[in-house]
Amino acid sequence: MSECYVVTGGGGFIGKAIVKLLIERRPGCSIRVVARNHYADLEKLPGVTSIQCDLSGPLESIEAAFEGAHAVFHVAAKAGIWGAEESFFRANVLASRQVVLAARSQNVAHIVYTSTPSVVFNGEPYTGENETLPYGKNWLGPYAKTKAMAEKETLASHDDSLRVCALRPHLVWGPEDNHILPKLIRKAHAGRLVQVGNGENRVDISYIDNVAHAHLLALEALENGRAGGEAFFLSDAEPVKLWSWINSLLERVAIEPIKKKIPLRAAYFLGSICEKLWSLFGRQDDPPMTRFVAVELAKDHYFSIEKAQRILGYQPVVEAEVALKRTAEWIRSDLLS
């Protein structure tokens, strides 16, 4: 009988990439995509079944979806810069608790948890630090806070019967991105994208194929008795100057470079005003600026990936120039056509 793998959030950007790589690298396996929605398109892929399931809902339905699985890639999460903390808590913390409980009850051997570097957020820049960093504070939003809670609890569940690790890819990008790049391209195309800060800040970026590759390496490490209970920063190995990198991507798709600029202090103040207004009027859409976004766009945020290289054997499988070329082609054909 072929091994079965569960990918929660398998219809999303990272989840779908993991599904496709599993099919390629573990031929003949069966894959269950467990998500809030049903993905008929993924069921056209060999061995894939889509199961509609609320991970914060009844435990019995999650246990049924996990029955007989060898490993779970827990990718599903609520991301975003705005929203009620309770909704982030249910989707990120409660759902992760349920995933662990269901995995344990169904004798799943391994969980690879998709986390984020935002779990160490404290409002300050990072310039090559490693996983010894403490969990964050001064959260400025519910996403990073609830992801930190979920990562901490999920890693604490690791033991000899259920081996667990967490990956922290920074700024995941590439073709089929349904979150960051579409917003960026729309704003830039409309002339509404504004540089925050002096433009010298360096950040990690993580191409989607490299991120999926790292997830499979993490599973292999768990299967071979390594990486259990550990978290790993991930990136494309070389930080980029954020705003120069954005402009280089815009140039490849014939969009004017960003010319408007706003100092970090002004953007932070604007974010504070927007947050107060959005709270006052109970708005659920994203504000044009938040304090968290201002900090992320203006300060250095890059980390050491030495631990992932040493324990997981991780190295990017797609070079930067190839990644940019593929992404630019996708933007021209899918976002600008």
C-alpha atoms as a PDB file:
ATOM      1  CA  MET A   1       0.000   0.000   0.000  1.00  0.00           C
ATOM      2  CA  SER A   2       1.340   3.458  -0.918  1.00  0.00           C
ATOM      3  CA  GLU A   3       2.028   5.981   1.823  1.00  0.00           C
ATOM      4  CA  CYS A   4      -0.574   8.664   2.459  1.00  0.00           C
ATOM      5  CA  TYR A   5       0.218  12.315   3.122  1.00  0.00           C
ATOM      6  CA  VAL A   6      -2.083  15.072   4.353  1.00  0.00           C
ATOM      7  CA  VAL A   7      -1.531  18.680   3.288  1.00  0.00           C
ATOM      8  CA  THR A   8      -3.708  21.095   5.234  1.00  0.00           C
ATOM      9  CA  GLY A   9      -4.326  24.241   3.250  1.00  0.00           C
ATOM     10  CA  GLY A  10      -3.276  22.280   0.193  1.00  0.00           C
ATOM     11  CA  GLY A  11      -5.223  24.537  -2.144  1.00  0.00           C
ATOM     12  CA  GLY A  12      -3.147  27.563  -1.171  1.00  0.00           C
ATOM     13  CA  PHE A  13       0.104  28.877  -2.592  1.00  0.00           C
ATOM     14  CA  ILE A  14       2.557  26.866  -0.481  1.00  0.00           C
ATOM     15  CA  GLY A  15       0.264  23.891   0.025  1.00  0.00           C
ATOM     16  CA  LYS A  16      -0.305  23.344  -3.685  1.00  0.00           C
ATOM     17  CA  ALA A  17       3.436  23.469  -4.361  1.00  0.00           C
ATOM     18  CA  ILE A  18       4.008  20.791  -1.707  1.00  0.00           C
ATOM     19  CA  VAL A  19       1.286  18.610  -3.233  1.00  0.00           C
ATOM     20  CA  LYS A  20       2.879  18.794  -6.693  1.00  0.00           C
ATOM     21  CA  LEU A  21       6.363  18.077  -5.334  1.00  0.00           C
ATOM     22  CA  LEU A  22       5.112  15.075  -3.364  1.00  0.00           C
ATOM     23  CA  ILE A  23       3.675  13.628  -6.563  1.00  0.00           C
ATOM     24  CA  GLU A  24       7.031  14.137  -8.283  1.00  0.00           C
ATOM     25  CA  ARG A  25       9.325  12.873  -5.530  1.00  0.00           C
ATOM     26  CA  ARG A  26       7.194  10.175  -3.946  1.00  0.00           C
ATOM     27  CA  PRO A  27       5.508   8.588  -6.971  1.00  0.00           C
ATOM     28  CA  GLY A  28       2.501   6.421  -6.267  1.00  0.00           C
ATOM     29  CA  CYS A  29       1.686   8.111  -2.977  1.00  0.00           C
ATOM     30  CA  SER A  30      -1.793   9.265  -2.049  1.00  0.00           C
ATOM     31  CA  ILE A  31      -2.366  12.844  -0.923  1.00  0.00           C
ATOM     32  CA  ARG A  32      -5.295  14.336   0.946  1.00  0.00           C
ATOM     33  CA  VAL A  33      -5.765  18.076   0.633  1.00  0.00           C
ATOM     34  CA  VAL A  34      -7.631  19.121   3.780  1.00  0.00           C
ATOM     35  CA  ALA A  35      -8.999  22.648   3.633  1.00  0.00           C
ATOM     36  CA  ARG A  36     -12.052  24.844   4.143  1.00  0.00           C
ATOM     37  CA  ASN A  37     -12.850  24.615   0.427  1.00  0.00           C
ATOM     38  CA  HIS A  38     -13.106  21.729  -2.006  1.00  0.00           C
ATOM     39  CA  TYR A  39     -10.490  21.771  -4.792  1.00  0.00           C
ATOM     40  CA  ALA A  40     -11.772  19.806  -7.760  1.00  0.00           C
ATOM     41  CA  ASP A  41      -8.805  20.966  -9.868  1.00  0.00           C
ATOM     42  CA  LEU A  42      -6.347  19.272  -7.518  1.00  0.00           C
ATOM     43  CA  GLU A  43      -8.293  16.004  -7.694  1.00  0.00           C
ATOM     44  CA  LYS A  44      -7.272  15.831 -11.357  1.00  0.00           C
ATOM     45  CA  LEU A  45      -3.708  15.233 -10.165  1.00  0.00           C
ATOM     46  CA  PRO A  46      -2.658  11.600  -9.585  1.00  0.00           C
ATOM     47  CA  GLY A  47      -3.462  10.276  -6.131  1.00  0.00           C
ATOM     48  CA  VAL A  48      -4.986  13.505  -4.811  1.00  0.00           C
ATOM     49  CA  THR A  49      -8.239  13.729  -2.870  1.00  0.00           C
ATOM     50  CA  SER A  50      -9.726  17.015  -1.683  1.00  0.00           C
ATOM     51  CA  ILE A  51     -11.474  16.930   1.703  1.00  0.00           C
ATOM     52  CA  GLN A  52     -13.480  19.936   2.851  1.00  0.00           C
ATOM     53  CA  CYS A  53     -12.912  20.361   6.577  1.00  0.00           C
ATOM     54  CA  ASP A  54     -12.803  23.116   9.182  1.00  0.00           C
ATOM     55  CA  LEU A  55      -9.663  22.453  11.227  1.00  0.00           C
ATOM     56  CA  SER A  56     -11.078  24.437  14.133  1.00  0.00           C
ATOM     57  CA  GLY A  57     -14.332  22.457  13.965  1.00  0.00           C
ATOM     58  CA  PRO A  58     -15.263  18.993  15.253  1.00  0.00           C
ATOM     59  CA  LEU A  59     -12.215  16.848  15.961  1.00  0.00           C
ATOM     60  CA  GLU A  60     -13.911  13.749  14.551  1.00  0.00           C
ATOM     61  CA  SER A  61     -13.941  15.135  11.012  1.00  0.00           C
ATOM     62  CA  ILE A  62     -10.222  15.937  11.193  1.00  0.00           C
ATOM     63  CA  GLU A  63      -9.454  12.473  12.549  1.00  0.00           C
ATOM     64  CA  ALA A  64     -11.348  10.947   9.632  1.00  0.00           C
ATOM     65  CA  ALA A  65      -9.285  13.010   7.180  1.00  0.00           C
ATOM     66  CA  PHE A  66      -6.034  11.923   8.873  1.00  0.00           C
ATOM     67  CA  GLU A  67      -6.837   8.202   9.104  1.00  0.00           C
ATOM     68  CA  GLY A  68      -3.942   6.089   7.870  1.00  0.00           C
ATOM     69  CA  ALA A  69      -1.704   9.046   7.046  1.00  0.00           C
ATOM     70  CA  HIS A  70       2.063   8.743   7.379  1.00  0.00           C
ATOM     71  CA  ALA A  71       2.715  12.489   7.705  1.00  0.00           C
ATOM     72  CA  VAL A  72       0.925  15.824   7.839  1.00  0.00           C
ATOM     73  CA  PHE A  73       2.173  19.035   6.281  1.00  0.00           C
ATOM     74  CA  HIS A  74       0.257  21.584   8.342  1.00  0.00           C
ATOM     75  CA  VAL A  75       0.251  24.623   6.061  1.00  0.00           C
ATOM     76  CA  ALA A  76      -3.252  25.996   6.639  1.00  0.00           C
ATOM     77  CA  ALA A  77      -3.370  29.332   8.448  1.00  0.00           C
ATOM     78  CA  LYS A  78      -5.075  32.678   8.508  1.00  0.00           C
ATOM     79  CA  ALA A  79      -2.657  35.300   7.207  1.00  0.00           C
ATOM     80  CA  GLY A  80      -3.202  39.010   6.815  1.00  0.00           C
ATOM     81  CA  ILE A  81      -2.544  42.401   8.309  1.00  0.00           C
ATOM     82  CA  TRP A  82      -5.992  43.065   9.754  1.00  0.00           C
ATOM     83  CA  GLY A  83      -8.881  41.303  11.455  1.00  0.00           C
ATOM     84  CA  ALA A  84     -10.298  40.213  14.787  1.00  0.00           C
ATOM     85  CA  GLU A  85      -7.788  38.384  16.967  1.00  0.00           C
ATOM     86  CA  GLU A  86     -10.385  35.719  17.744  1.00  0.00           C
ATOM     87  CA  SER A  87     -10.561  34.694  14.073  1.00  0.00           C
ATOM     88  CA  PHE A  88      -6.762  34.450  13.881  1.00  0.00           C
ATOM     89  CA  PHE A  89      -6.714  32.456  17.112  1.00  0.00           C
ATOM     90  CA  ARG A  90      -9.242  29.929  15.818  1.00  0.00           C
ATOM     91  CA  ALA A  91      -7.517  29.468  12.475  1.00  0.00           C
ATOM     92  CA  ASN A  92      -3.928  29.431  13.725  1.00  0.00           C
ATOM     93  CA  VAL A  93      -3.846  28.277  17.342  1.00  0.00           C
ATOM     94  CA  LEU A  94      -6.992  26.208  17.841  1.00  0.00           C
ATOM     95  CA  ALA A  95      -6.670  24.559  14.417  1.00  0.00           C
ATOM     96  CA  SER A  96      -3.049  23.603  15.129  1.00  0.00           C
ATOM     97  CA  ARG A  97      -4.068  22.077  18.465  1.00  0.00           C
ATOM     98  CA  GLN A  98      -6.699  20.019  16.655  1.00  0.00           C
ATOM     99  CA  VAL A  99      -4.196  18.917  14.008  1.00  0.00           C
ATOM    100  CA  VAL A 100      -1.870  17.591  16.726  1.00  0.00           C
ATOM    101  CA  LEU A 101      -4.708  15.824  18.559  1.00  0.00           C
ATOM    102  CA  ALA A 102      -6.019  14.231  15.365  1.00  0.00           C
ATOM    103  CA  ALA A 103      -2.537  13.216  14.248  1.00  0.00           C
ATOM    104  CA  ARG A 104      -1.831  11.578  17.571  1.00  0.00           C
ATOM    105  CA  SER A 105      -5.163   9.730  17.691  1.00  0.00           C
ATOM    106  CA  GLN A 106      -4.606   8.400  14.156  1.00  0.00           C
ATOM    107  CA  ASN A 107      -0.987   7.371  14.767  1.00  0.00           C
ATOM    108  CA  VAL A 108       0.444   9.842  12.268  1.00  0.00           C
ATOM    109  CA  ALA A 109       4.233   9.677  12.528  1.00  0.00           C
ATOM    110  CA  HIS A 110       5.296  13.182  11.463  1.00  0.00           C
ATOM    111  CA  ILE A 111       4.116  16.805  11.287  1.00  0.00           C
ATOM    112  CA  VAL A 112       5.913  19.502   9.316  1.00  0.00           C
ATOM    113  CA  TYR A 113       4.441  22.803  10.454  1.00  0.00           C
ATOM    114  CA  THR A 114       4.602  25.877   8.215  1.00  0.00           C
ATOM    115  CA  SER A 115       5.408  28.844  10.422  1.00  0.00           C
ATOM    116  CA  THR A 116       6.812  32.325   9.739  1.00  0.00           C
ATOM    117  CA  PRO A 117       9.766  34.472  10.854  1.00  0.00           C
ATOM    118  CA  SER A 118       7.142  36.871  12.213  1.00  0.00           C
ATOM    119  CA  VAL A 119       7.015  34.670  15.327  1.00  0.00           C
ATOM    120  CA  VAL A 120      10.109  36.558  16.565  1.00  0.00           C
ATOM    121  CA  PHE A 121       8.755  40.018  15.681  1.00  0.00           C
ATOM    122  CA  ASN A 122       9.512  42.746  18.213  1.00  0.00           C
ATOM    123  CA  GLY A 123       9.547  45.838  16.020  1.00  0.00           C
ATOM    124  CA  GLU A 124      13.319  45.837  15.642  1.00  0.00           C
ATOM    125  CA  PRO A 125      15.511  45.008  12.624  1.00  0.00           C
ATOM    126  CA  TYR A 126      17.126  41.584  12.200  1.00  0.00           C
ATOM    127  CA  THR A 127      20.457  41.186  10.431  1.00  0.00           C
ATOM    128  CA  GLY A 128      21.385  37.532  10.216  1.00  0.00           C
ATOM    129  CA  GLU A 129      20.224  36.245  13.604  1.00  0.00           C
ATOM    130  CA  ASN A 130      19.407  32.555  14.103  1.00  0.00           C
ATOM    131  CA  GLU A 131      16.813  30.368  15.802  1.00  0.00           C
ATOM    132  CA  THR A 132      18.079  31.160  19.305  1.00  0.00           C
ATOM    133  CA  LEU A 133      15.955  34.332  19.080  1.00  0.00           C
ATOM    134  CA  PRO A 134      13.111  34.345  21.621  1.00  0.00           C
ATOM    135  CA  TYR A 135       9.494  34.499  20.564  1.00  0.00           C
ATOM    136  CA  GLY A 136       8.394  38.054  19.906  1.00  0.00           C
ATOM    137  CA  LYS A 137       6.585  40.829  21.711  1.00  0.00           C
ATOM    138  CA  ASN A 138       4.997  44.190  20.845  1.00  0.00           C
ATOM    139  CA  TRP A 139       3.095  42.251  18.202  1.00  0.00           C
ATOM    140  CA  LEU A 140       1.265  45.112  16.418  1.00  0.00           C
ATOM    141  CA  GLY A 141      -1.223  42.604  15.037  1.00  0.00           C
ATOM    142  CA  PRO A 142      -2.820  39.200  15.618  1.00  0.00           C
ATOM    143  CA  TYR A 143      -1.157  37.244  12.793  1.00  0.00           C
ATOM    144  CA  ALA A 144       2.376  37.114  14.209  1.00  0.00           C
ATOM    145  CA  LYS A 145       1.091  36.701  17.753  1.00  0.00           C
ATOM    146  CA  THR A 146      -1.121  33.704  16.984  1.00  0.00           C
ATOM    147  CA  LYS A 147       1.451  32.062  14.718  1.00  0.00           C
ATOM    148  CA  ALA A 148       3.988  32.279  17.542  1.00  0.00           C
ATOM    149  CA  MET A 149       1.512  30.661  19.950  1.00  0.00           C
ATOM    150  CA  ALA A 150       0.759  27.933  17.413  1.00  0.00           C
ATOM    151  CA  GLU A 151       4.410  27.216  16.610  1.00  0.00           C
ATOM    152  CA  LYS A 152       5.384  27.029  20.276  1.00  0.00           C
ATOM    153  CA  GLU A 153       2.552  24.624  21.122  1.00  0.00           C
ATOM    154  CA  THR A 154       3.032  22.491  18.011  1.00  0.00           C
ATOM    155  CA  LEU A 155       6.775  22.053  18.597  1.00  0.00           C
ATOM    156  CA  ALA A 156       6.090  21.206  22.252  1.00  0.00           C
ATOM    157  CA  SER A 157       3.976  18.249  21.064  1.00  0.00           C
ATOM    158  CA  HIS A 158       7.050  16.544  19.581  1.00  0.00           C
ATOM    159  CA  ASP A 159       7.937  13.161  21.078  1.00  0.00           C
ATOM    160  CA  ASP A 160       9.063   9.720  19.956  1.00  0.00           C
ATOM    161  CA  SER A 161       5.611   8.764  18.662  1.00  0.00           C
ATOM    162  CA  LEU A 162       4.855  12.032  16.838  1.00  0.00           C
ATOM    163  CA  ARG A 163       7.875  13.805  15.396  1.00  0.00           C
ATOM    164  CA  VAL A 164       7.360  17.508  14.693  1.00  0.00           C
ATOM    165  CA  CYS A 165       9.364  20.397  13.244  1.00  0.00           C
ATOM    166  CA  ALA A 166       8.548  23.922  12.022  1.00  0.00           C
ATOM    167  CA  LEU A 167       9.721  25.898   9.000  1.00  0.00           C
ATOM    168  CA  ARG A 168       9.851  29.706   8.874  1.00  0.00           C
ATOM    169  CA  PRO A 169      10.039  30.832   5.220  1.00  0.00           C
ATOM    170  CA  HIS A 170      10.300  34.604   4.801  1.00  0.00           C
ATOM    171  CA  LEU A 171       8.291  36.450   2.124  1.00  0.00           C
ATOM    172  CA  VAL A 172       7.275  33.542  -0.108  1.00  0.00           C
ATOM    173  CA  TRP A 173       6.973  34.569  -3.764  1.00  0.00           C
ATOM    174  CA  GLY A 174       6.726  33.152  -7.265  1.00  0.00           C
ATOM    175  CA  PRO A 175       4.196  32.084  -9.920  1.00  0.00           C
ATOM    176  CA  GLU A 176       0.653  31.413  -8.649  1.00  0.00           C
ATOM    177  CA  ASP A 177       1.145  33.618  -5.581  1.00  0.00           C
ATOM    178  CA  ASN A 178      -2.383  34.642  -4.587  1.00  0.00           C
ATOM    179  CA  HIS A 179      -1.452  37.055  -1.818  1.00  0.00           C
ATOM    180  CA  ILE A 180       1.627  39.301  -2.010  1.00  0.00           C
ATOM    181  CA  LEU A 181       2.418  39.738  -5.705  1.00  0.00           C
ATOM    182  CA  PRO A 182      -1.130  40.398  -6.978  1.00  0.00           C
ATOM    183  CA  LYS A 183      -1.546  43.251  -4.458  1.00  0.00           C
ATOM    184  CA  LEU A 184       1.893  44.626  -5.238  1.00  0.00           C
ATOM    185  CA  ILE A 185       1.375  44.547  -9.007  1.00  0.00           C
ATOM    186  CA  ARG A 186      -2.090  46.122  -8.798  1.00  0.00           C
ATOM    187  CA  LYS A 187      -0.831  48.999  -6.669  1.00  0.00           C
ATOM    188  CA  ALA A 188       2.275  49.537  -8.771  1.00  0.00           C
ATOM    189  CA  HIS A 189       0.305  49.430 -12.025  1.00  0.00           C
ATOM    190  CA  ALA A 190      -2.068  52.066 -10.628  1.00  0.00           C
ATOM    191  CA  GLY A 191       0.818  54.224  -9.406  1.00  0.00           C
ATOM    192  CA  ARG A 192      -0.229  53.768  -5.768  1.00  0.00           C
ATOM    193  CA  LEU A 193       2.768  51.821  -4.468  1.00  0.00           C
ATOM    194  CA  VAL A 194       4.843  53.894  -2.068  1.00  0.00           C
ATOM    195  CA  GLN A 195       8.326  53.129  -0.753  1.00  0.00           C
ATOM    196  CA  VAL A 196       8.490  53.116   3.036  1.00  0.00           C
ATOM    197  CA  GLY A 197      11.829  54.152   4.524  1.00  0.00           C
ATOM    198  CA  ASN A 198      15.118  54.980   2.820  1.00  0.00           C
ATOM    199  CA  GLY A 199      15.088  51.951   0.515  1.00  0.00           C
ATOM    200  CA  GLU A 200      18.293  50.469   1.911  1.00  0.00           C
ATOM    201  CA  ASN A 201      16.672  47.773   4.058  1.00  0.00           C
ATOM    202  CA  ARG A 202      17.548  44.179   3.239  1.00  0.00           C
ATOM    203  CA  VAL A 203      15.115  41.294   3.609  1.00  0.00           C
ATOM    204  CA  ASP A 204      14.986  37.564   3.031  1.00  0.00           C
ATOM    205  CA  ILE A 205      12.827  36.273   0.200  1.00  0.00           C
ATOM    206  CA  SER A 206      11.819  32.642  -0.397  1.00  0.00           C
ATOM    207  CA  TYR A 207      10.943  31.377  -3.881  1.00  0.00           C
ATOM    208  CA  ILE A 208       8.025  28.971  -3.831  1.00  0.00           C
ATOM    209  CA  ASP A 209       9.903  25.980  -5.316  1.00  0.00           C
ATOM    210  CA  ASN A 210      12.634  26.376  -2.700  1.00  0.00           C
ATOM    211  CA  VAL A 211      10.022  26.471   0.066  1.00  0.00           C
ATOM    212  CA  ALA A 212       8.291  23.296  -1.129  1.00  0.00           C
ATOM    213  CA  HIS A 213      11.704  21.598  -1.445  1.00  0.00           C
ATOM    214  CA  ALA A 214      12.496  22.527   2.163  1.00  0.00           C
ATOM    215  CA  HIS A 215       9.240  20.984   3.380  1.00  0.00           C
ATOM    216  CA  LEU A 216      10.095  17.626   1.833  1.00  0.00           C
ATOM    217  CA  LEU A 217      13.626  17.825   3.231  1.00  0.00           C
ATOM    218  CA  ALA A 218      12.100  18.479   6.655  1.00  0.00           C
ATOM    219  CA  LEU A 219       9.966  15.347   6.382  1.00  0.00           C
ATOM    220  CA  GLU A 220      12.998  13.311   5.346  1.00  0.00           C
ATOM    221  CA  ALA A 221      14.903  14.658   8.348  1.00  0.00           C
ATOM    222  CA  LEU A 222      12.090  13.671  10.716  1.00  0.00           C
ATOM    223  CA  GLU A 223      11.921  10.217   9.139  1.00  0.00           C
ATOM    224  CA  ASN A 224      15.646   9.829   9.773  1.00  0.00           C
ATOM    225  CA  GLY A 225      15.533  10.942  13.392  1.00  0.00           C
ATOM    226  CA  ARG A 226      16.646  14.543  12.901  1.00  0.00           C
ATOM    227  CA  ALA A 227      14.997  17.948  13.305  1.00  0.00           C
ATOM    228  CA  GLY A 228      12.426  16.855  15.897  1.00  0.00           C
ATOM    229  CA  GLY A 229      11.148  19.734  18.045  1.00  0.00           C
ATOM    230  CA  GLU A 230      13.161  22.258  16.040  1.00  0.00           C
ATOM    231  CA  ALA A 231      12.311  25.414  14.071  1.00  0.00           C
ATOM    232  CA  PHE A 232      14.192  26.537  10.962  1.00  0.00           C
ATOM    233  CA  PHE A 233      14.467  29.884   9.209  1.00  0.00           C
ATOM    234  CA  LEU A 234      14.257  29.563   5.419  1.00  0.00           C
ATOM    235  CA  SER A 235      15.092  31.853   2.517  1.00  0.00           C
ATOM    236  CA  ASP A 236      16.728  31.973  -0.893  1.00  0.00           C
ATOM    237  CA  ALA A 237      20.059  32.246   0.999  1.00  0.00           C
ATOM    238  CA  GLU A 238      20.889  35.832  -0.023  1.00  0.00           C
ATOM    239  CA  PRO A 239      18.946  38.831   1.356  1.00  0.00           C
ATOM    240  CA  VAL A 240      17.933  41.495  -1.155  1.00  0.00           C
ATOM    241  CA  LYS A 241      17.416  45.229  -0.904  1.00  0.00           C
ATOM    242  CA  LEU A 242      13.635  45.102  -0.790  1.00  0.00           C
ATOM    243  CA  TRP A 243      12.771  48.175  -2.828  1.00  0.00           C
ATOM    244  CA  SER A 244      15.492  47.623  -5.441  1.00  0.00           C
ATOM    245  CA  TRP A 245      14.272  44.046  -5.820  1.00  0.00           C
ATOM    246  CA  ILE A 246      10.662  45.204  -6.252  1.00  0.00           C
ATOM    247  CA  ASN A 247      11.716  47.755  -8.866  1.00  0.00           C
ATOM    248  CA  SER A 248      13.724  45.132 -10.755  1.00  0.00           C
ATOM    249  CA  LEU A 249      10.643  42.917 -10.894  1.00  0.00           C
ATOM    250  CA  LEU A 250       8.468  45.829 -12.038  1.00  0.00           C
ATOM    251  CA  GLU A 251      10.964  46.664 -14.779  1.00  0.00           C
ATOM    252  CA  ARG A 252      10.736  43.114 -16.133  1.00  0.00           C
ATOM    253  CA  VAL A 253       6.970  43.495 -16.545  1.00  0.00           C
ATOM    254  CA  ALA A 254       7.135  47.040 -17.986  1.00  0.00           C
ATOM    255  CA  ILE A 255       5.718  48.853 -14.957  1.00  0.00           C
ATOM    256  CA  GLU A 256       7.183  52.184 -13.904  1.00  0.00           C
ATOM    257  CA  PRO A 257       9.508  52.006 -10.897  1.00  0.00           C
ATOM    258  CA  ILE A 258       8.342  53.321  -7.539  1.00  0.00           C
ATOM    259  CA  LYS A 259       9.001  57.022  -7.133  1.00  0.00           C
ATOM    260  CA  LYS A 260       6.818  58.005  -4.198  1.00  0.00           C
ATOM    261  CA  LYS A 261       8.449  57.694  -0.776  1.00  0.00           C
ATOM    262  CA  ILE A 262       7.357  58.082   2.832  1.00  0.00           C
ATOM    263  CA  PRO A 263       9.590  58.017   5.946  1.00  0.00           C
ATOM    264  CA  LEU A 264       9.098  55.139   8.363  1.00  0.00           C
ATOM    265  CA  ARG A 265       7.997  57.448  11.162  1.00  0.00           C
ATOM    266  CA  ALA A 266       5.280  58.970   8.977  1.00  0.00           C
ATOM    267  CA  ALA A 267       4.138  55.549   7.726  1.00  0.00           C
ATOM    268  CA  TYR A 268       4.015  54.219  11.289  1.00  0.00           C
ATOM    269  CA  PHE A 269       1.897  57.197  12.385  1.00  0.00           C
ATOM    270  CA  LEU A 270      -0.392  56.747   9.372  1.00  0.00           C
ATOM    271  CA  GLY A 271      -0.722  53.045  10.233  1.00  0.00           C
ATOM    272  CA  SER A 272      -1.715  53.928  13.782  1.00  0.00           C
ATOM    273  CA  ILE A 273      -4.412  56.324  12.537  1.00  0.00           C
ATOM    274  CA  CYS A 274      -5.723  53.759  10.039  1.00  0.00           C
ATOM    275  CA  GLU A 275      -5.926  51.066  12.718  1.00  0.00           C
ATOM    276  CA  LYS A 276      -7.911  53.342  15.018  1.00  0.00           C
ATOM    277  CA  LEU A 277     -10.336  54.315  12.263  1.00  0.00           C
ATOM    278  CA  TRP A 278     -10.788  50.721  11.067  1.00  0.00           C
ATOM    279  CA  SER A 279     -11.459  49.613  14.648  1.00  0.00           C
ATOM    280  CA  LEU A 280     -13.864  52.480  15.272  1.00  0.00           C
ATOM    281  CA  PHE A 281     -15.963  51.657  12.222  1.00  0.00           C
ATOM    282  CA  GLY A 282     -15.588  47.879  12.489  1.00  0.00           C
ATOM    283  CA  ARG A 283     -14.124  47.515   9.016  1.00  0.00           C
ATOM    284  CA  GLN A 284     -12.864  44.077   7.972  1.00  0.00           C
ATOM    285  CA  ASP A 285     -10.963  45.033   4.817  1.00  0.00           C
ATOM    286  CA  ASP A 286      -7.235  45.756   5.019  1.00  0.00           C
ATOM    287  CA  PRO A 287      -6.252  49.333   5.872  1.00  0.00           C
ATOM    288  CA  PRO A 288      -3.887  51.047   3.409  1.00  0.00           C
ATOM    289  CA  MET A 289      -1.210  50.977   6.117  1.00  0.00           C
ATOM    290  CA  THR A 290      -0.664  49.422   9.555  1.00  0.00           C
ATOM    291  CA  ARG A 291       2.169  49.804  12.053  1.00  0.00           C
ATOM    292  CA  PHE A 292       3.263  46.200  11.432  1.00  0.00           C
ATOM    293  CA  VAL A 293       3.436  46.713   7.669  1.00  0.00           C
ATOM    294  CA  ALA A 294       5.350  49.986   8.067  1.00  0.00           C
ATOM    295  CA  VAL A 295       8.017  48.252  10.130  1.00  0.00           C
ATOM    296  CA  GLU A 296       8.233  45.250   7.815  1.00  0.00           C
ATOM    297  CA  LEU A 297       8.646  47.442   4.727  1.00  0.00           C
ATOM    298  CA  ALA A 298      11.307  49.742   6.139  1.00  0.00           C
ATOM    299  CA  LYS A 299      13.601  47.710   8.404  1.00  0.00           C
ATOM    300  CA  ASP A 300      16.116  44.919   7.802  1.00  0.00           C
ATOM    301  CA  HIS A 301      14.631  41.455   8.205  1.00  0.00           C
ATOM    302  CA  TYR A 302      16.999  38.663   7.259  1.00  0.00           C
ATOM    303  CA  PHE A 303      18.083  35.568   9.157  1.00  0.00           C
ATOM    304  CA  SER A 304      20.725  32.869   9.145  1.00  0.00           C
ATOM    305  CA  ILE A 305      19.698  29.639   7.408  1.00  0.00           C
ATOM    306  CA  GLU A 306      22.803  27.753   8.590  1.00  0.00           C
ATOM    307  CA  LYS A 307      20.692  25.471  10.789  1.00  0.00           C
ATOM    308  CA  ALA A 308      18.457  24.441   7.870  1.00  0.00           C
ATOM    309  CA  GLN A 309      21.543  23.857   5.727  1.00  0.00           C
ATOM    310  CA  ARG A 310      23.228  21.759   8.417  1.00  0.00           C
ATOM    311  CA  ILE A 311      20.314  19.665   9.701  1.00  0.00           C
ATOM    312  CA  LEU A 312      17.963  19.538   6.700  1.00  0.00           C
ATOM    313  CA  GLY A 313      20.601  19.689   3.975  1.00  0.00           C
ATOM    314  CA  TYR A 314      18.741  22.668   2.535  1.00  0.00           C
ATOM    315  CA  GLN A 315      20.008  24.671  -0.414  1.00  0.00           C
ATOM    316  CA  PRO A 316      17.820  26.617  -2.865  1.00  0.00           C
ATOM    317  CA  VAL A 317      17.016  24.535  -5.943  1.00  0.00           C
ATOM    318  CA  VAL A 318      16.088  27.515  -8.138  1.00  0.00           C
ATOM    319  CA  GLU A 319      18.562  30.343  -8.697  1.00  0.00           C
ATOM    320  CA  ALA A 320      17.488  33.967  -8.261  1.00  0.00           C
ATOM    321  CA  GLU A 321      17.670  34.913 -11.947  1.00  0.00           C
ATOM    322  CA  VAL A 322      15.622  31.883 -13.011  1.00  0.00           C
ATOM    323  CA  ALA A 323      13.070  32.597 -10.300  1.00  0.00           C
ATOM    324  CA  LEU A 324      12.707  36.225 -11.399  1.00  0.00           C
ATOM    325  CA  LYS A 325      12.322  35.213 -15.041  1.00  0.00           C
ATOM    326  CA  ARG A 326       9.624  32.625 -14.277  1.00  0.00           C
ATOM    327  CA  THR A 327       7.758  35.026 -12.025  1.00  0.00           C
ATOM    328  CA  ALA A 328       7.867  37.881 -14.518  1.00  0.00           C
ATOM    329  CA  GLU A 329       6.482  35.589 -17.239  1.00  0.00           C
ATOM    330  CA  TRP A 330       3.634  34.560 -14.941  1.00  0.00           C
ATOM    331  CA  ILE A 331       2.855  38.179 -14.015  1.00  0.00           C
ATOM    332  CA  ARG A 332       2.674  39.179 -17.682  1.00  0.00           C
ATOM    333  CA  SER A 333       0.486  36.212 -18.637  1.00  0.00           C
ATOM    334  CA  ASP A 334      -1.774  35.963 -15.566  1.00  0.00           C
ATOM    335  CA  LEU A 335      -1.857  39.318 -13.783  1.00  0.00           C
ATOM    336  CA  LEU A 336      -1.440  41.811 -16.611  1.00  0.00           C
ATOM    337  CA  SER A 337      -3.094  40.062 -19.558  1.00  0.00           C
END
